[in-house]
Amino acid sequence: MKKSKIIPVIFCLFMLIGCEQYSAYESGEYATESIGEPVMDSLIEDPEIPLSSTAATYQDPERKFIRTADLSMEVENVYRSTTNIERKVTEIGGFVSESQLYSRVLSKDIFEIDADSAREVKKYSVYNTMTVRVPQTELGNFLHSLGEEILFLHHRNISAEDISLNFVMAELEKNRLDKTSEKLEEINNESGKIPDKQSVVNALDEKQSEVNFQKISTLKLKDEVAFSTVTLALTEKEKIAETMVVNLKNYGDQHRPGFWYRAGNSVKDGFYFFQSVCVTLLYIWPLWLILAFLFFGLRFYRRRSGLS
């Protein structure tokens, strides 16, 4: 009797625990994992995400930076965004060093409409890879302006390499080479043997080449500091292009010759084939001569054997 009373009590406790867990799940305590991914997607697609960074805007008169940026984005129309970006680059005093715009056909199908025409349907997407050079003081504003074109940002990488010591090293190396060149010129102007002067002239020429190389390296560094390099990869969603084309399946039937014309050609071709056979048989006339000689020789031999 006691066991029969305990069983309903235990059953009621299990029911109460199950209802509490279900209500907690409904209230959101167990729903954090399910909403995590949509939140991340909404952040990526948020047009207010800052495309610039302090790496692109930080300025220090005592330091020199080589700034680069690499962005991959999805836009509504690659061609229109390309022209807009090129216009913005020109307005801030920059220039486009490379632009590769191309389309990739993903699939192509042809659907017949009637005997003469068909519809060609292409699924394609347009891509562009750009490299632009913008003044380093305008890099932050330029990156921020790209937000007007972006539908989806794949990635954004910005770097600022401090090369202040490179300029110091370049200046010290320039002074060293200048002093060495001056000493060699003084030695060259002094009186001495011709072989000695020849070696001095060769050494002076080598040092001058090093001086020129050092100047070019310094100018390249100054250019990389003055103009930041930005690499852009633009993509768009797949699109459909429909074009009316000729129905090639039936196009050959329209120009097929008539029966009597084809019959006449067949008779003519047959006659030419007969001529070819005859010419071939005449070409092997020695074989026919040998066969005839064997035939008559064998016949003569049989007759003579029969008489004997």
Foldseek 3Di string as FASTA:
>chain_A
DVVVVVVVVVVVVVVVVVVVVVVCVVVCPPCPVVCVVVVVQCVQQDLPDQLFDCQLAPDDPLWFKQKEKEWEFEFADPVVLVVVLQVVQVVQPKHWPDKDKDKDWPDWDWADDDLWKIKIKTKIKIKMKTKIWHFSNCRSVSSSVCSVGGRGTPDMDMHIDICSVVVVVLVVVLVVLVVVLVVLVVVLPDDDDPVVNVVSVVVNVVSVVVNVVSVVVVVVSVRSRRIHMYIYMYIYDIDMDMDMDTPVVNPVVVVDDDDVVVVVVVVVVVVVVVVVVVVVVVVVVVVVVVVVVVVVVVVVVVVVVVVD
